[in-house]
Amino acid sequence: MIIATTNTIEGHRVVDYRGVVTGEAILGANIFRDFFAGIRDIVGGRSGAYEKSLREARSIALAEMEDEARRLGGNAVIGVDLDYENIAAGSGSMLMVSASGTAVVIE
């Protein structure tokens, strides 16, 4: 399945629009990862744990969106938008990634 952030896919023609599709992933960031990420924020540097969580959440959200497009009979998703949110939850935080786009049939 082709997934694109653009509204067209070069070399293909959209023959049917199947509807808006979405996928979401919410991952909990554990307290130790939060603590060490906080230290990195103070001293600088990249947080490998958070980067890994972001990649994992993005992959899950895109896979859910793709599955929904298939259920609607689409073979591509165009106009894909990814959104990232940090949600405070008690003493920790949660990471939410959402993906949305339009399921289409292309030829």
C-alpha atoms as a PDB file:
ATOM      1  CA  MET A   1       0.000   0.000   0.000  1.00  0.00           C
ATOM      2  CA  ILE A   2       1.297   3.449  -0.904  1.00  0.00           C
ATOM      3  CA  ILE A   3       1.110   5.994   1.923  1.00  0.00           C
ATOM      4  CA  ALA A   4       1.827   9.600   0.968  1.00  0.00           C
ATOM      5  CA  THR A   5       1.675  13.002   2.595  1.00  0.00           C
ATOM      6  CA  THR A   6       0.819  14.501  -0.784  1.00  0.00           C
ATOM      7  CA  ASN A   7      -2.667  14.617  -2.334  1.00  0.00           C
ATOM      8  CA  THR A   8      -1.510  12.903  -5.512  1.00  0.00           C
ATOM      9  CA  ILE A   9       0.803  10.017  -6.285  1.00  0.00           C
ATOM     10  CA  GLU A  10       2.966  10.502  -9.344  1.00  0.00           C
ATOM     11  CA  GLY A  11       2.214   7.968 -12.046  1.00  0.00           C
ATOM     12  CA  HIS A  12      -1.117   6.941 -10.519  1.00  0.00           C
ATOM     13  CA  ARG A  13      -4.652   8.202 -10.924  1.00  0.00           C
ATOM     14  CA  VAL A  14      -7.143   8.275  -8.047  1.00  0.00           C
ATOM     15  CA  VAL A  15     -10.267   6.464  -9.249  1.00  0.00           C
ATOM     16  CA  ASP A  16     -12.234   6.346  -5.983  1.00  0.00           C
ATOM     17  CA  TYR A  17     -12.172   8.000  -2.576  1.00  0.00           C
ATOM     18  CA  ARG A  18     -13.040   5.611   0.277  1.00  0.00           C
ATOM     19  CA  GLY A  19     -12.990   8.032   3.212  1.00  0.00           C
ATOM     20  CA  VAL A  20     -10.920   9.425   6.035  1.00  0.00           C
ATOM     21  CA  VAL A  21      -8.826   6.877   7.908  1.00  0.00           C
ATOM     22  CA  THR A  22      -6.989   7.259  11.203  1.00  0.00           C
ATOM     23  CA  GLY A  23      -4.657   5.400  13.486  1.00  0.00           C
ATOM     24  CA  GLU A  24      -3.596   6.213  17.015  1.00  0.00           C
ATOM     25  CA  ALA A  25      -0.999   4.954  19.426  1.00  0.00           C
ATOM     26  CA  ILE A  26      -0.645   5.924  23.057  1.00  0.00           C
ATOM     27  CA  LEU A  27       2.433   4.683  24.867  1.00  0.00           C
ATOM     28  CA  GLY A  28       3.283   5.108  28.511  1.00  0.00           C
ATOM     29  CA  ALA A  29       6.726   6.437  29.288  1.00  0.00           C
ATOM     30  CA  ASN A  30       8.009   4.734  32.405  1.00  0.00           C
ATOM     31  CA  ILE A  31       9.307   6.692  35.392  1.00  0.00           C
ATOM     32  CA  PHE A  32      12.991   5.755  34.886  1.00  0.00           C
ATOM     33  CA  ARG A  33      12.923   6.797  31.241  1.00  0.00           C
ATOM     34  CA  ASP A  34      11.220  10.084  32.273  1.00  0.00           C
ATOM     35  CA  PHE A  35      13.860  10.664  34.942  1.00  0.00           C
ATOM     36  CA  PHE A  36      16.832  10.068  32.639  1.00  0.00           C
ATOM     37  CA  ALA A  37      15.225  12.073  29.822  1.00  0.00           C
ATOM     38  CA  GLY A  38      14.829  14.944  32.294  1.00  0.00           C
ATOM     39  CA  ILE A  39      18.543  14.769  33.127  1.00  0.00           C
ATOM     40  CA  ARG A  40      19.391  14.820  29.408  1.00  0.00           C
ATOM     41  CA  ASP A  41      17.159  17.867  28.985  1.00  0.00           C
ATOM     42  CA  ILE A  42      19.209  19.653  31.643  1.00  0.00           C
ATOM     43  CA  VAL A  43      22.674  18.641  30.375  1.00  0.00           C
ATOM     44  CA  GLY A  44      21.762  18.417  26.691  1.00  0.00           C
ATOM     45  CA  GLY A  45      21.883  15.539  24.273  1.00  0.00           C
ATOM     46  CA  ARG A  46      19.391  13.235  22.657  1.00  0.00           C
ATOM     47  CA  SER A  47      17.051  10.918  24.501  1.00  0.00           C
ATOM     48  CA  GLY A  48      17.383   7.560  22.768  1.00  0.00           C
ATOM     49  CA  ALA A  49      14.557   6.047  24.837  1.00  0.00           C
ATOM     50  CA  TYR A  50      12.091   8.732  23.752  1.00  0.00           C
ATOM     51  CA  GLU A  51      13.251   8.545  20.143  1.00  0.00           C
ATOM     52  CA  LYS A  52      12.623   4.799  20.177  1.00  0.00           C
ATOM     53  CA  SER A  53       9.165   5.358  21.700  1.00  0.00           C
ATOM     54  CA  LEU A  54       8.342   7.932  19.025  1.00  0.00           C
ATOM     55  CA  ARG A  55       9.349   5.560  16.225  1.00  0.00           C
ATOM     56  CA  GLU A  56       7.327   2.731  17.770  1.00  0.00           C
ATOM     57  CA  ALA A  57       4.225   4.885  18.274  1.00  0.00           C
ATOM     58  CA  ARG A  58       4.452   6.304  14.728  1.00  0.00           C
ATOM     59  CA  SER A  59       4.756   2.795  13.290  1.00  0.00           C
ATOM     60  CA  ILE A  60       1.688   1.600  15.225  1.00  0.00           C
ATOM     61  CA  ALA A  61      -0.402   4.622  14.207  1.00  0.00           C
ATOM     62  CA  LEU A  62       0.512   4.242  10.518  1.00  0.00           C
ATOM     63  CA  ALA A  63      -0.196   0.488  10.605  1.00  0.00           C
ATOM     64  CA  GLU A  64      -3.650   1.080  12.141  1.00  0.00           C
ATOM     65  CA  MET A  65      -4.415   3.706   9.500  1.00  0.00           C
ATOM     66  CA  GLU A  66      -3.298   1.332   6.735  1.00  0.00           C
ATOM     67  CA  ASP A  67      -5.454  -1.490   8.148  1.00  0.00           C
ATOM     68  CA  GLU A  68      -8.497   0.801   8.178  1.00  0.00           C
ATOM     69  CA  ALA A  69      -7.825   1.827   4.564  1.00  0.00           C
ATOM     70  CA  ARG A  70      -7.692  -1.848   3.538  1.00  0.00           C
ATOM     71  CA  ARG A  71     -11.000  -2.533   5.330  1.00  0.00           C
ATOM     72  CA  LEU A  72     -12.552   0.266   3.253  1.00  0.00           C
ATOM     73  CA  GLY A  73     -11.187  -1.261   0.042  1.00  0.00           C
ATOM     74  CA  GLY A  74      -8.428   1.288  -0.523  1.00  0.00           C
ATOM     75  CA  ASN A  75      -5.009   0.500  -1.943  1.00  0.00           C
ATOM     76  CA  ALA A  76      -3.373   3.832  -0.999  1.00  0.00           C
ATOM     77  CA  VAL A  77      -3.654   6.618   1.569  1.00  0.00           C
ATOM     78  CA  ILE A  78      -3.042  10.214   0.524  1.00  0.00           C
ATOM     79  CA  GLY A  79      -2.815  13.494   2.431  1.00  0.00           C
ATOM     80  CA  VAL A  80      -1.328  11.780   5.483  1.00  0.00           C
ATOM     81  CA  ASP A  81      -0.775  13.963   8.546  1.00  0.00           C
ATOM     82  CA  LEU A  82       1.085  12.877  11.688  1.00  0.00           C
ATOM     83  CA  ASP A  83       0.489  14.573  15.037  1.00  0.00           C
ATOM     84  CA  TYR A  84       2.466  14.094  18.245  1.00  0.00           C
ATOM     85  CA  GLU A  85       1.213  14.938  21.741  1.00  0.00           C
ATOM     86  CA  ASN A  86       2.658  14.537  25.201  1.00  0.00           C
ATOM     87  CA  ILE A  87      -0.113  13.839  27.702  1.00  0.00           C
ATOM     88  CA  ALA A  88       0.535  14.346  31.414  1.00  0.00           C
ATOM     89  CA  ALA A  89      -0.931  11.457  33.386  1.00  0.00           C
ATOM     90  CA  GLY A  90      -0.471  11.548  37.139  1.00  0.00           C
ATOM     91  CA  SER A  91       3.224  11.352  38.008  1.00  0.00           C
ATOM     92  CA  GLY A  92       4.270  10.270  34.505  1.00  0.00           C
ATOM     93  CA  SER A  93       3.465  11.052  30.941  1.00  0.00           C
ATOM     94  CA  MET A  94       1.996   9.350  27.920  1.00  0.00           C
ATOM     95  CA  LEU A  95       3.001   9.812  24.323  1.00  0.00           C
ATOM     96  CA  MET A  96       0.260   9.938  21.687  1.00  0.00           C
ATOM     97  CA  VAL A  97       0.844   9.760  17.963  1.00  0.00           C
ATOM     98  CA  SER A  98      -2.057  10.031  15.556  1.00  0.00           C
ATOM     99  CA  ALA A  99      -2.051   9.520  11.802  1.00  0.00           C
ATOM    100  CA  SER A 100      -4.849  10.526   9.457  1.00  0.00           C
ATOM    101  CA  GLY A 101      -5.351  10.548   5.723  1.00  0.00           C
ATOM    102  CA  THR A 102      -7.746   9.702   2.922  1.00  0.00           C
ATOM    103  CA  ALA A 103      -8.117   6.109   1.749  1.00  0.00           C
ATOM    104  CA  VAL A 104      -8.269   5.931  -2.036  1.00  0.00           C
ATOM    105  CA  VAL A 105      -8.201   3.454  -4.881  1.00  0.00           C
ATOM    106  CA  ILE A 106      -5.472   4.197  -7.399  1.00  0.00           C
ATOM    107  CA  GLU A 107      -4.616   2.651 -10.732  1.00  0.00           C
END
